[in-house]
Amino acid sequence: MSDTAYLDWPFFTHHHGDLARTLETWATQHVPQTHGHDVDAECKALVRKLGAAGWLRYAVAGTAYGGGEDSIDTRSICLIRETLARHSGLADFAFAMQGLGSGAISLAGTHEQKQRYLTRVVSGEAIAAFALSEPDAGSDVAAMQCSAHVDGEHAVLNGTKTWISNGGIADFYVVFARTGEAPGARGISAFIVDADTPGFAIAERIDVIAPHPLATLRFTNCKVPLSQRVGAAGEGFKVAMRTLDVFRTSVAAASLGFARRALDEALHRATTRKMFNQTLADFQLTQAKLAQMATTIDSSALLTYRAAWLRDQGRPVTREAAMAKMAATEGAQQVIDAAVQIWGGMGVVSGHIVERLYREIRSLRIYEGATEVQQLIIAKDLLREMTR
């Protein structure tokens, strides 16, 4: 197991330390280190395991609906994601998407919506998905083209969503569509669309380098009751951004989990690999690389848990979350690349732990706001302060 001295940092309570240690024990016993070819089935199985063990209650808000607390504790979801990512990228994905997929309902849903959906998300009986991105609207959400118009007591959705995690296996999707109350981002609303709704279809399944359920969705005159709208009309963009603000910091935490596992593997290789009558760890070049890896991880962890702590105190975290996401994902890529180098030829063998980590980290630098978007967020916030 990786060094856990960081659990004694002042960002955490005793509860957080107990949570991380208990999950580590559970994950060691219940989370498979390798996966087969049926990723859909394995993801569904992981969701059920996480639900049965009670871990999914941390992903939603509202004790009345099975949640661990009345508001989402960011530090808890970060510690859970970091721990799961150290064991399995797919397990981390399964947990995270239950939170992100239902996050809008936790934050802005009605009592009836929460009762119908969140309780099943917590138990692992229902799989959730967050449908925001489109072919021409990823980082630029205001360019969204998927539309919804009111027809009596229904909203009728038409358009396409893509890069949707859990696409193809989700039981429901929180879909963001242009409803036209105002131009740009102010005219978007959110709707819950059950997977069996007429007019909804999976247009394409998408295969990526670190396999997980992913798809393009198509809506063709898809009628959804207005009671399925999440939040007020035209408030969808705000709901989406609030949801991402909660979970963006946890992307940084997942990156930490990948990076810590990579450092563990690099240390094992360096201290056991014999070369020129000594170990690889005896070379100063190796020592320098290991030192840089450890320093990168700790600096990323400080930024990550600062952002998580600030949000749990009710403080604004837009800049801090962007810094954490950028530093942790970029830093983890560097750490994992160094681990592959230390493992040499074995590091690029398909299925090897560091080879798997190399594939898993890459997408984290893109989704939930690419690194370049985080740079823009940070700079704009700095410049805004200068003009006050």
Protein backbone atom coordinates (compact mmCIF):
# COMPACT_ATOMS: atom_id res chain seq x y z
CA MET A 1 0.00 0.00 0.00
CA SER A 2 1.16 3.53 -0.75
CA ASP A 3 2.34 5.90 1.98
CA THR A 4 -0.71 7.21 3.86
CA ALA A 5 0.99 9.83 6.02
CA TYR A 6 -1.03 12.48 4.18
CA LEU A 7 -4.14 11.29 6.04
CA ASP A 8 -2.72 13.09 9.08
CA TRP A 9 -2.76 16.44 7.25
CA PRO A 10 -5.02 19.07 8.85
CA PHE A 11 -7.38 18.91 5.85
CA PHE A 12 -8.83 15.68 7.26
CA THR A 13 -10.79 14.52 10.31
CA HIS A 14 -10.45 11.12 12.00
CA HIS A 15 -13.51 10.04 10.00
CA HIS A 16 -11.66 10.62 6.73
CA GLY A 17 -8.68 8.55 7.85
CA ASP A 18 -10.90 5.70 8.97
CA LEU A 19 -12.80 5.87 5.69
CA ALA A 20 -9.65 5.59 3.57
CA ARG A 21 -8.21 2.73 5.62
CA THR A 22 -11.48 0.77 5.65
CA LEU A 23 -11.90 1.17 1.91
CA GLU A 24 -8.31 0.08 1.31
CA THR A 25 -9.01 -3.17 3.13
CA TRP A 26 -12.28 -3.70 1.25
CA ALA A 27 -10.76 -2.91 -2.15
CA THR A 28 -7.88 -5.32 -1.56
CA GLN A 29 -10.43 -8.09 -1.03
CA HIS A 30 -13.12 -7.20 -3.56
CA VAL A 31 -11.72 -5.15 -6.46
CA PRO A 32 -10.12 -7.18 -9.25
CA GLN A 33 -6.71 -6.00 -10.43
CA THR A 34 -7.33 -7.05 -14.02
CA HIS A 35 -10.36 -7.00 -16.28
CA GLY A 36 -11.64 -9.18 -19.06
CA HIS A 37 -13.16 -8.24 -22.39
CA ASP A 38 -16.75 -7.62 -21.26
CA VAL A 39 -16.24 -4.17 -19.79
CA ASP A 40 -19.99 -3.45 -19.61
CA ALA A 41 -20.66 -6.49 -17.44
CA GLU A 42 -17.66 -5.78 -15.21
CA CYS A 43 -18.68 -2.17 -14.73
CA LYS A 44 -22.21 -3.20 -13.78
CA ALA A 45 -20.81 -5.75 -11.34
CA LEU A 46 -18.55 -3.13 -9.73
CA VAL A 47 -21.47 -0.73 -9.29
CA ARG A 48 -23.45 -3.47 -7.55
CA LYS A 49 -20.47 -4.32 -5.31
CA LEU A 50 -19.90 -0.68 -4.39
CA GLY A 51 -23.60 -0.24 -3.65
CA ALA A 52 -23.91 -3.38 -1.55
CA ALA A 53 -20.87 -2.39 0.52
CA GLY A 54 -22.28 1.10 1.16
CA TRP A 55 -19.61 3.09 -0.67
CA LEU A 56 -22.01 4.72 -3.14
CA ARG A 57 -23.79 6.62 -0.37
CA TYR A 58 -20.84 9.01 -0.37
CA ALA A 59 -21.52 9.85 -4.03
CA VAL A 60 -24.93 11.41 -3.43
CA ALA A 61 -26.39 14.01 -1.08
CA GLY A 62 -29.33 13.54 1.24
CA THR A 63 -29.59 11.07 4.11
CA ALA A 64 -33.33 10.75 3.34
CA TYR A 65 -32.37 9.20 0.00
CA GLY A 66 -29.59 6.95 1.24
CA GLY A 67 -26.75 9.46 1.05
CA GLY A 68 -24.05 9.53 3.69
CA GLU A 69 -24.68 13.18 4.53
CA ASP A 70 -27.11 15.92 3.54
CA SER A 71 -24.42 17.48 1.35
CA ILE A 72 -21.66 15.80 -0.58
CA ASP A 73 -18.40 15.71 1.37
CA THR A 74 -15.75 16.45 -1.23
CA ARG A 75 -12.89 15.10 0.84
CA SER A 76 -14.67 11.76 1.19
CA ILE A 77 -15.29 11.32 -2.52
CA CYS A 78 -11.70 12.34 -3.23
CA LEU A 79 -10.30 9.79 -0.80
CA ILE A 80 -12.58 7.10 -2.22
CA ARG A 81 -11.58 7.88 -5.80
CA GLU A 82 -7.89 7.98 -4.92
CA THR A 83 -8.08 4.62 -3.15
CA LEU A 84 -10.13 2.90 -5.86
CA ALA A 85 -7.92 4.32 -8.64
CA ARG A 86 -4.86 2.83 -6.95
CA HIS A 87 -6.51 -0.59 -7.33
CA SER A 88 -8.50 -0.30 -10.54
CA GLY A 89 -9.30 2.44 -13.01
CA LEU A 90 -12.63 0.79 -13.80
CA ALA A 91 -13.64 0.67 -10.12
CA ASP A 92 -12.84 4.37 -9.81
CA PHE A 93 -14.88 5.04 -12.95
CA ALA A 94 -17.85 3.04 -11.64
CA PHE A 95 -17.92 5.04 -8.39
CA ALA A 96 -17.29 8.43 -9.97
CA MET A 97 -19.98 8.13 -12.62
CA GLN A 98 -22.63 7.23 -10.06
CA GLY A 99 -21.81 10.55 -8.43
CA LEU A 100 -21.41 12.67 -11.55
CA GLY A 101 -24.38 11.07 -13.29
CA SER A 102 -26.72 11.79 -10.39
CA GLY A 103 -25.00 14.94 -9.16
CA ALA A 104 -27.47 17.34 -10.78
CA ILE A 105 -30.33 15.53 -9.02
CA SER A 106 -28.50 15.72 -5.68
CA LEU A 107 -27.95 19.45 -6.13
CA ALA A 108 -31.14 20.65 -7.82
CA GLY A 109 -33.63 17.77 -8.05
CA THR A 110 -37.11 17.70 -6.54
CA HIS A 111 -38.02 15.43 -3.64
CA GLU A 112 -39.78 13.07 -6.05
CA GLN A 113 -36.75 12.93 -8.39
CA LYS A 114 -34.39 12.26 -5.52
CA GLN A 115 -36.62 9.56 -4.10
CA ARG A 116 -37.01 7.85 -7.47
CA TYR A 117 -33.39 7.98 -8.63
CA LEU A 118 -30.93 8.61 -5.80
CA THR A 119 -32.03 5.70 -3.65
CA ARG A 120 -31.38 3.33 -6.55
CA VAL A 121 -28.04 4.98 -7.34
CA VAL A 122 -26.90 4.46 -3.75
CA SER A 123 -27.89 0.80 -3.73
CA GLY A 124 -26.25 0.16 -7.11
CA GLU A 125 -29.58 -0.88 -8.63
CA ALA A 126 -29.55 1.97 -11.17
CA ILE A 127 -26.60 3.26 -13.21
CA ALA A 128 -26.43 6.99 -13.86
CA ALA A 129 -24.93 9.08 -16.68
CA PHE A 130 -24.19 12.77 -17.27
CA ALA A 131 -24.91 13.83 -20.85
CA LEU A 132 -23.40 17.24 -21.57
CA SER A 133 -20.83 16.97 -24.39
CA GLU A 134 -21.70 17.09 -28.08
CA PRO A 135 -19.70 16.64 -31.30
CA ASP A 136 -19.20 20.43 -31.54
CA ALA A 137 -19.72 21.38 -27.91
CA GLY A 138 -17.21 19.93 -25.49
CA SER A 139 -15.25 22.59 -23.64
CA ASP A 140 -17.54 25.26 -25.17
CA VAL A 141 -20.83 24.23 -23.58
CA ALA A 142 -22.56 27.37 -24.88
CA ALA A 143 -22.22 25.94 -28.42
CA MET A 144 -24.71 23.19 -27.53
CA GLN A 145 -27.12 22.24 -30.32
CA CYS A 146 -29.24 19.50 -28.73
CA SER A 147 -32.62 21.15 -28.21
CA ALA A 148 -35.83 20.70 -26.25
CA HIS A 149 -39.15 22.42 -26.86
CA VAL A 150 -42.25 22.31 -24.71
CA ASP A 151 -45.25 20.41 -26.02
CA GLY A 152 -48.02 20.49 -23.43
CA GLU A 153 -46.77 18.67 -20.34
CA HIS A 154 -43.69 17.33 -22.10
CA ALA A 155 -40.32 18.48 -23.38
CA VAL A 156 -39.38 17.09 -26.78
CA LEU A 157 -35.63 16.48 -27.22
CA ASN A 158 -33.79 16.35 -30.52
CA GLY A 159 -30.05 16.12 -31.10
CA THR A 160 -26.89 14.23 -30.28
CA LYS A 161 -24.64 13.80 -27.27
CA THR A 162 -21.25 12.12 -27.43
CA TRP A 163 -18.38 10.96 -25.21
CA ILE A 164 -21.01 10.00 -22.65
CA SER A 165 -19.58 7.77 -19.93
CA ASN A 166 -21.85 4.87 -18.99
CA GLY A 167 -23.47 5.32 -22.39
CA GLY A 168 -25.08 2.02 -23.30
CA ILE A 169 -25.37 0.66 -19.75
CA ALA A 170 -26.99 3.55 -17.84
CA ASP A 171 -30.55 3.24 -16.60
CA PHE A 172 -31.02 7.02 -16.83
CA TYR A 173 -29.23 10.05 -18.24
CA VAL A 174 -29.21 13.66 -17.04
CA VAL A 175 -29.33 15.42 -20.40
CA PHE A 176 -28.62 19.09 -21.03
CA ALA A 177 -30.47 20.68 -23.94
CA ARG A 178 -31.01 24.14 -25.38
CA THR A 179 -34.45 25.45 -24.41
CA GLY A 180 -34.00 29.05 -25.58
CA GLU A 181 -34.93 31.14 -22.55
CA ALA A 182 -31.90 33.32 -23.31
CA PRO A 183 -28.92 33.24 -25.68
CA GLY A 184 -25.80 31.21 -25.02
CA ALA A 185 -25.35 29.33 -21.78
CA ARG A 186 -28.39 30.95 -20.15
CA GLY A 187 -30.87 29.10 -22.36
CA ILE A 188 -30.07 25.51 -21.39
CA SER A 189 -32.16 23.15 -19.22
CA ALA A 190 -31.50 19.72 -17.70
CA PHE A 191 -33.79 16.68 -18.02
CA ILE A 192 -33.74 13.15 -16.66
CA VAL A 193 -34.20 10.70 -19.53
CA ASP A 194 -34.81 7.05 -18.70
CA ALA A 195 -32.98 4.63 -20.98
CA ASP A 196 -36.22 3.06 -22.22
CA THR A 197 -37.80 6.37 -23.28
CA PRO A 198 -39.12 6.24 -26.88
CA GLY A 199 -37.04 8.42 -29.19
CA PHE A 200 -33.83 7.78 -27.26
CA ALA A 201 -31.18 5.54 -28.81
CA ILE A 202 -27.52 4.60 -28.52
CA ALA A 203 -26.14 5.77 -31.87
CA GLU A 204 -22.64 4.38 -31.41
CA ARG A 205 -20.44 2.72 -28.83
CA ILE A 206 -16.97 4.27 -28.53
CA ASP A 207 -13.81 2.28 -27.81
CA VAL A 208 -10.97 4.12 -26.07
CA ILE A 209 -7.47 3.19 -24.92
CA ALA A 210 -8.57 2.59 -21.31
CA PRO A 211 -11.82 0.68 -21.90
CA HIS A 212 -14.97 1.79 -20.12
CA PRO A 213 -18.61 2.15 -21.23
CA LEU A 214 -18.79 5.14 -23.57
CA ALA A 215 -21.28 6.08 -26.28
CA THR A 216 -22.89 8.60 -28.57
CA LEU A 217 -26.57 9.22 -27.80
CA ARG A 218 -29.30 10.27 -30.23
CA PHE A 219 -32.62 11.93 -29.41
CA THR A 220 -35.36 11.92 -32.06
CA ASN A 221 -38.60 13.58 -30.92
CA CYS A 222 -37.88 12.11 -27.49
CA LYS A 223 -40.76 13.14 -25.20
CA VAL A 224 -39.93 13.62 -21.53
CA PRO A 225 -42.45 14.79 -18.90
CA LEU A 226 -41.71 18.30 -17.67
CA SER A 227 -41.65 16.80 -14.19
CA GLN A 228 -38.32 15.28 -15.28
CA ARG A 229 -36.67 18.69 -15.63
CA VAL A 230 -33.91 19.21 -13.05
CA GLY A 231 -33.97 22.76 -11.71
CA ALA A 232 -35.69 25.71 -13.33
CA ALA A 233 -36.03 26.26 -17.07
CA GLY A 234 -32.90 27.89 -18.46
CA GLU A 235 -30.86 27.02 -15.37
CA GLY A 236 -29.23 23.90 -16.81
CA PHE A 237 -25.82 25.46 -17.38
CA LYS A 238 -25.63 26.53 -13.74
CA VAL A 239 -26.68 23.04 -12.64
CA ALA A 240 -24.00 21.48 -14.87
CA MET A 241 -21.27 23.79 -13.59
CA ARG A 242 -22.26 23.21 -9.95
CA THR A 243 -22.09 19.48 -10.58
CA LEU A 244 -18.68 19.71 -12.22
CA ASP A 245 -17.40 21.94 -9.40
CA VAL A 246 -18.14 19.10 -6.97
CA PHE A 247 -16.54 16.34 -9.00
CA ARG A 248 -13.68 18.14 -10.81
CA THR A 249 -11.51 18.02 -7.69
CA SER A 250 -12.17 14.28 -7.46
CA VAL A 251 -10.64 13.84 -10.93
CA ALA A 252 -7.44 15.19 -9.42
CA ALA A 253 -7.80 12.65 -6.61
CA ALA A 254 -8.17 9.77 -9.06
CA SER A 255 -4.99 10.97 -10.75
CA LEU A 256 -3.25 10.83 -7.38
CA GLY A 257 -4.35 7.23 -6.99
CA PHE A 258 -2.87 6.31 -10.37
CA ALA A 259 0.34 8.20 -9.57
CA ARG A 260 0.77 6.62 -6.14
CA ARG A 261 0.37 3.15 -7.63
CA ALA A 262 2.92 4.01 -10.30
CA LEU A 263 5.42 5.14 -7.66
CA ASP A 264 4.85 1.92 -5.69
CA GLU A 265 5.54 -0.13 -8.81
CA ALA A 266 8.61 1.96 -9.68
CA LEU A 267 10.04 1.53 -6.18
CA HIS A 268 9.50 -2.22 -6.35
CA ARG A 269 11.23 -2.45 -9.72
CA ALA A 270 14.11 -0.17 -8.74
CA THR A 271 14.91 -2.10 -5.57
CA THR A 272 14.67 -5.60 -7.10
CA ARG A 273 16.06 -5.17 -10.61
CA LYS A 274 19.72 -6.24 -10.73
CA MET A 275 22.01 -4.37 -13.09
CA PHE A 276 25.81 -4.16 -13.26
CA ASN A 277 26.25 -5.90 -9.89
CA GLN A 278 23.88 -3.55 -8.09
CA THR A 279 20.20 -2.67 -8.10
CA LEU A 280 18.60 -0.08 -10.33
CA ALA A 281 17.90 1.99 -7.20
CA ASP A 282 21.65 2.34 -6.57
CA PHE A 283 22.03 4.58 -9.60
CA GLN A 284 21.77 8.31 -8.91
CA LEU A 285 19.73 8.81 -12.09
CA THR A 286 17.10 6.45 -10.71
CA GLN A 287 17.15 8.15 -7.32
CA ALA A 288 16.64 11.55 -8.94
CA LYS A 289 13.67 10.23 -10.90
CA LEU A 290 12.10 8.69 -7.79
CA ALA A 291 12.58 11.94 -5.86
CA GLN A 292 10.86 13.94 -8.59
CA MET A 293 7.97 11.46 -8.71
CA ALA A 294 7.39 11.67 -4.94
CA THR A 295 7.60 15.46 -4.93
CA THR A 296 5.15 15.76 -7.82
CA ILE A 297 2.66 13.52 -6.00
CA ASP A 298 2.85 15.46 -2.74
CA SER A 299 2.52 18.84 -4.42
CA SER A 300 -0.51 17.59 -6.37
CA ALA A 301 -2.04 16.14 -3.21
CA LEU A 302 -1.69 19.45 -1.36
CA LEU A 303 -3.52 21.28 -4.15
CA THR A 304 -6.17 18.58 -4.40
CA TYR A 305 -7.05 18.40 -0.74
CA ARG A 306 -6.84 22.16 -0.30
CA ALA A 307 -9.58 22.47 -2.95
CA ALA A 308 -11.62 19.67 -1.38
CA TRP A 309 -11.32 21.22 2.09
CA LEU A 310 -12.29 24.67 0.83
CA ARG A 311 -15.42 23.36 -0.86
CA ASP A 312 -16.42 21.48 2.28
CA GLN A 313 -16.11 24.77 4.18
CA GLY A 314 -18.55 26.37 1.72
CA ARG A 315 -15.87 28.54 0.15
CA PRO A 316 -15.56 29.31 -3.60
CA VAL A 317 -13.18 26.84 -5.25
CA THR A 318 -13.31 27.53 -8.98
CA ARG A 319 -9.67 28.55 -9.24
CA GLU A 320 -8.42 26.06 -6.65
CA ALA A 321 -10.27 23.13 -8.26
CA ALA A 322 -8.86 24.08 -11.66
CA MET A 323 -5.34 24.24 -10.23
CA ALA A 324 -5.78 20.86 -8.57
CA LYS A 325 -7.18 19.20 -11.67
CA MET A 326 -4.46 20.61 -13.91
CA ALA A 327 -1.53 19.88 -11.58
CA ALA A 328 -2.63 16.41 -10.54
CA THR A 329 -3.50 15.09 -13.99
CA GLU A 330 -0.42 16.53 -15.69
CA GLY A 331 1.77 15.46 -12.77
CA ALA A 332 0.38 11.93 -12.76
CA GLN A 333 1.13 11.61 -16.47
CA GLN A 334 4.78 12.49 -15.73
CA VAL A 335 4.98 10.10 -12.77
CA ILE A 336 3.48 7.21 -14.70
CA ASP A 337 5.72 7.85 -17.70
CA ALA A 338 8.73 7.70 -15.35
CA ALA A 339 7.47 4.42 -13.91
CA VAL A 340 7.20 2.94 -17.40
CA GLN A 341 10.78 4.04 -18.08
CA ILE A 342 12.01 2.42 -14.88
CA TRP A 343 10.30 -0.84 -15.81
CA GLY A 344 11.89 -0.69 -19.25
CA GLY A 345 10.61 -3.19 -21.79
CA MET A 346 8.25 -4.77 -19.26
CA GLY A 347 6.58 -1.38 -18.84
CA VAL A 348 5.09 -1.47 -22.31
CA VAL A 349 3.84 -5.07 -22.22
CA SER A 350 0.08 -5.12 -22.66
CA GLY A 351 -1.66 -5.79 -19.36
CA HIS A 352 1.27 -4.86 -17.13
CA ILE A 353 0.25 -2.57 -14.26
CA VAL A 354 2.27 0.47 -15.38
CA GLU A 355 1.18 -0.03 -19.00
CA ARG A 356 -2.44 -0.02 -17.82
CA LEU A 357 -1.83 3.12 -15.76
CA TYR A 358 -0.25 4.79 -18.81
CA ARG A 359 -3.46 4.26 -20.77
CA GLU A 360 -5.77 5.15 -17.89
CA ILE A 361 -4.23 8.51 -17.01
CA ARG A 362 -4.36 10.00 -20.49
CA SER A 363 -8.07 10.73 -20.66
CA LEU A 364 -8.07 12.48 -17.27
CA ARG A 365 -6.11 15.34 -18.82
CA ILE A 366 -9.06 15.89 -21.17
CA TYR A 367 -12.40 15.06 -19.57
CA GLU A 368 -14.25 17.35 -17.14
CA GLY A 369 -12.27 20.24 -18.57
CA ALA A 370 -9.05 19.79 -20.51
CA THR A 371 -5.81 21.16 -19.08
CA GLU A 372 -5.97 24.14 -21.44
CA VAL A 373 -9.47 24.98 -20.16
CA GLN A 374 -8.21 24.85 -16.58
CA GLN A 375 -5.46 27.29 -17.53
CA LEU A 376 -8.06 29.69 -18.92
CA ILE A 377 -10.18 29.38 -15.75
CA ILE A 378 -7.19 30.12 -13.52
CA ALA A 379 -5.99 33.08 -15.59
CA LYS A 380 -9.46 34.63 -15.90
CA ASP A 381 -9.95 34.39 -12.15
CA LEU A 382 -6.60 36.05 -11.53
CA LEU A 383 -7.36 38.85 -14.00
CA ARG A 384 -10.83 39.36 -12.53
CA GLU A 385 -9.28 39.99 -9.13
CA MET A 386 -6.95 42.57 -10.66
CA THR A 387 -9.89 44.61 -11.97
CA ARG A 388 -11.88 44.69 -8.73
